[in-house]
Amino acid sequence: MTMQGLGYFDAAPDAMKPMVALEASLGHMLISNPLHEVLKTRAPQINGCAFCPNMHLPAARQARVS
């Protein structure tokens, strides 16, 4: 367990690999930070995840994504 709860890398390392790859790929793209945050918030919504959008919303708000 991590300080924030479940250790996702320990619990499901195969599931985490694509998410880490997506983050790495987004980091290499020449896109604005607000768009980067939209992608990190919207992709989990499309996949039906309730946790991840909430995790990424503070950074999206800080990037002034509305």
N, C-alpha and C. Protein backbone atom coordinates (compact mmCIF):
# COMPACT_ATOMS: atom_id res chain seq x y z
N MET A 1 0.85 -1.19 0.00
CA MET A 1 0.00 0.00 0.00
C MET A 1 0.89 1.25 0.00
N THR A 2 0.44 2.24 -0.74
CA THR A 2 1.13 3.52 -0.73
C THR A 2 0.43 4.43 0.26
N MET A 3 0.97 5.61 0.42
CA MET A 3 0.34 6.58 1.33
C MET A 3 -1.05 6.96 0.84
N GLN A 4 -1.29 6.89 -0.46
CA GLN A 4 -2.59 7.27 -1.01
C GLN A 4 -3.52 6.08 -1.15
N GLY A 5 -3.12 4.92 -0.79
CA GLY A 5 -4.00 3.76 -0.90
C GLY A 5 -3.30 2.61 -1.59
N LEU A 6 -4.02 2.00 -2.50
CA LEU A 6 -3.55 0.81 -3.19
C LEU A 6 -2.34 1.13 -4.06
N GLY A 7 -1.33 0.27 -4.02
CA GLY A 7 -0.18 0.42 -4.90
C GLY A 7 -0.50 -0.21 -6.24
N TYR A 8 -0.92 0.60 -7.22
CA TYR A 8 -1.39 0.08 -8.50
C TYR A 8 -0.30 -0.68 -9.25
N PHE A 9 0.93 -0.23 -9.17
CA PHE A 9 2.00 -0.94 -9.86
C PHE A 9 2.23 -2.32 -9.25
N ASP A 10 2.03 -2.43 -7.95
CA ASP A 10 2.17 -3.73 -7.30
C ASP A 10 0.97 -4.63 -7.57
N ALA A 11 -0.22 -4.04 -7.59
CA ALA A 11 -1.45 -4.82 -7.75
C ALA A 11 -1.66 -5.29 -9.18
N ALA A 12 -1.33 -4.45 -10.15
CA ALA A 12 -1.62 -4.79 -11.55
C ALA A 12 -0.55 -4.20 -12.47
N PRO A 13 0.67 -4.73 -12.41
CA PRO A 13 1.74 -4.14 -13.22
C PRO A 13 1.47 -4.19 -14.72
N ASP A 14 0.81 -5.25 -15.21
CA ASP A 14 0.52 -5.33 -16.64
C ASP A 14 -0.50 -4.29 -17.08
N ALA A 15 -1.41 -3.94 -16.19
CA ALA A 15 -2.40 -2.91 -16.51
C ALA A 15 -1.78 -1.52 -16.48
N MET A 16 -0.76 -1.33 -15.66
CA MET A 16 -0.14 -0.02 -15.53
C MET A 16 0.80 0.30 -16.69
N LYS A 17 1.36 -0.71 -17.32
CA LYS A 17 2.33 -0.48 -18.40
C LYS A 17 1.77 0.39 -19.52
N PRO A 18 0.54 0.12 -20.03
CA PRO A 18 0.02 0.98 -21.10
C PRO A 18 -0.21 2.42 -20.65
N MET A 19 -0.60 2.60 -19.39
CA MET A 19 -0.82 3.96 -18.90
C MET A 19 0.50 4.72 -18.79
N VAL A 20 1.53 4.04 -18.36
CA VAL A 20 2.85 4.68 -18.28
C VAL A 20 3.35 5.00 -19.69
N ALA A 21 3.09 4.10 -20.64
CA ALA A 21 3.49 4.34 -22.03
C ALA A 21 2.74 5.53 -22.61
N LEU A 22 1.45 5.66 -22.30
CA LEU A 22 0.67 6.80 -22.77
C LEU A 22 1.24 8.10 -22.22
N GLU A 23 1.54 8.11 -20.95
CA GLU A 23 2.10 9.32 -20.32
C GLU A 23 3.44 9.68 -20.96
N ALA A 24 4.27 8.69 -21.22
CA ALA A 24 5.56 8.94 -21.86
C ALA A 24 5.36 9.49 -23.28
N SER A 25 4.41 8.92 -24.00
CA SER A 25 4.12 9.36 -25.35
C SER A 25 3.61 10.80 -25.36
N LEU A 26 2.71 11.12 -24.45
CA LEU A 26 2.20 12.49 -24.36
C LEU A 26 3.31 13.47 -24.01
N GLY A 27 4.26 13.03 -23.20
CA GLY A 27 5.36 13.89 -22.82
C GLY A 27 6.27 14.26 -23.97
N HIS A 28 6.30 13.41 -25.00
CA HIS A 28 7.16 13.68 -26.15
C HIS A 28 6.45 14.45 -27.26
N MET A 29 5.14 14.61 -27.14
CA MET A 29 4.39 15.34 -28.16
C MET A 29 4.53 16.84 -27.96
N LEU A 30 4.48 17.55 -29.04
CA LEU A 30 4.56 19.01 -28.98
C LEU A 30 3.15 19.57 -28.89
N ILE A 31 2.52 19.35 -27.73
CA ILE A 31 1.18 19.88 -27.50
C ILE A 31 1.21 20.77 -26.27
N SER A 32 0.23 21.63 -26.19
CA SER A 32 0.18 22.56 -25.06
C SER A 32 -0.16 21.80 -23.78
N ASN A 33 0.22 22.37 -22.65
CA ASN A 33 -0.06 21.75 -21.37
C ASN A 33 -1.56 21.58 -21.13
N PRO A 34 -2.41 22.58 -21.47
CA PRO A 34 -3.84 22.36 -21.27
C PRO A 34 -4.38 21.17 -22.07
N LEU A 35 -3.93 21.03 -23.32
CA LEU A 35 -4.38 19.89 -24.11
C LEU A 35 -3.88 18.58 -23.52
N HIS A 36 -2.66 18.59 -23.03
CA HIS A 36 -2.08 17.41 -22.37
C HIS A 36 -2.97 16.99 -21.20
N GLU A 37 -3.39 17.96 -20.41
CA GLU A 37 -4.24 17.67 -19.25
C GLU A 37 -5.63 17.20 -19.68
N VAL A 38 -6.16 17.75 -20.76
CA VAL A 38 -7.46 17.28 -21.28
C VAL A 38 -7.36 15.81 -21.67
N LEU A 39 -6.29 15.44 -22.36
CA LEU A 39 -6.11 14.05 -22.77
C LEU A 39 -6.00 13.11 -21.57
N LYS A 40 -5.28 13.54 -20.55
CA LYS A 40 -5.12 12.69 -19.36
C LYS A 40 -6.41 12.59 -18.56
N THR A 41 -7.29 13.56 -18.71
CA THR A 41 -8.58 13.52 -18.01
C THR A 41 -9.63 12.79 -18.84
N ARG A 42 -9.65 13.02 -20.13
CA ARG A 42 -10.70 12.48 -20.99
C ARG A 42 -10.52 10.99 -21.31
N ALA A 43 -9.30 10.54 -21.54
CA ALA A 43 -9.07 9.14 -21.89
C ALA A 43 -9.64 8.17 -20.84
N PRO A 44 -9.41 8.40 -19.56
CA PRO A 44 -9.99 7.49 -18.57
C PRO A 44 -11.52 7.55 -18.55
N GLN A 45 -12.10 8.72 -18.84
CA GLN A 45 -13.55 8.81 -18.90
C GLN A 45 -14.09 7.91 -20.00
N ILE A 46 -13.43 7.94 -21.15
CA ILE A 46 -13.84 7.10 -22.27
C ILE A 46 -13.73 5.63 -21.91
N ASN A 47 -12.71 5.29 -21.13
CA ASN A 47 -12.50 3.90 -20.71
C ASN A 47 -13.36 3.49 -19.53
N GLY A 48 -14.15 4.41 -18.99
CA GLY A 48 -15.05 4.08 -17.91
C GLY A 48 -14.44 4.12 -16.53
N CYS A 49 -13.31 4.79 -16.38
CA CYS A 49 -12.65 4.88 -15.08
C CYS A 49 -13.17 6.10 -14.33
N ALA A 50 -13.55 5.92 -13.09
CA ALA A 50 -14.01 7.04 -12.28
C ALA A 50 -12.88 7.65 -11.45
N PHE A 51 -11.89 6.86 -11.13
CA PHE A 51 -10.80 7.33 -10.27
C PHE A 51 -9.85 8.27 -11.01
N CYS A 52 -9.39 7.87 -12.18
CA CYS A 52 -8.34 8.62 -12.88
C CYS A 52 -8.73 10.05 -13.24
N PRO A 53 -9.95 10.30 -13.75
CA PRO A 53 -10.28 11.71 -14.03
C PRO A 53 -10.19 12.58 -12.78
N ASN A 54 -10.65 12.06 -11.65
CA ASN A 54 -10.56 12.83 -10.40
C ASN A 54 -9.11 13.07 -10.01
N MET A 55 -8.25 12.11 -10.31
CA MET A 55 -6.84 12.26 -9.99
C MET A 55 -6.21 13.37 -10.85
N HIS A 56 -6.64 13.47 -12.11
CA HIS A 56 -6.03 14.42 -13.04
C HIS A 56 -6.73 15.78 -13.07
N LEU A 57 -7.93 15.90 -12.51
CA LEU A 57 -8.65 17.17 -12.57
C LEU A 57 -7.92 18.34 -11.92
N PRO A 58 -7.27 18.18 -10.76
CA PRO A 58 -6.56 19.34 -10.20
C PRO A 58 -5.49 19.91 -11.15
N ALA A 59 -4.76 19.07 -11.82
CA ALA A 59 -3.75 19.56 -12.77
C ALA A 59 -4.42 20.22 -13.97
N ALA A 60 -5.56 19.68 -14.40
CA ALA A 60 -6.28 20.29 -15.51
C ALA A 60 -6.80 21.67 -15.12
N ARG A 61 -7.32 21.78 -13.91
CA ARG A 61 -7.80 23.09 -13.45
C ARG A 61 -6.65 24.08 -13.33
N GLN A 62 -5.51 23.62 -12.87
CA GLN A 62 -4.35 24.49 -12.75
C GLN A 62 -3.89 24.96 -14.13
N ALA A 63 -4.07 24.11 -15.14
CA ALA A 63 -3.71 24.48 -16.52
C ALA A 63 -4.82 25.30 -17.18
N ARG A 64 -5.84 25.64 -16.41
CA ARG A 64 -6.98 26.44 -16.85
C ARG A 64 -7.81 25.75 -17.92
N VAL A 65 -7.96 24.43 -17.80
CA VAL A 65 -8.83 23.67 -18.67
C VAL A 65 -10.24 23.79 -18.10
N SER A 66 -11.20 24.15 -18.94
CA SER A 66 -12.57 24.28 -18.42
C SER A 66 -13.49 23.26 -19.05
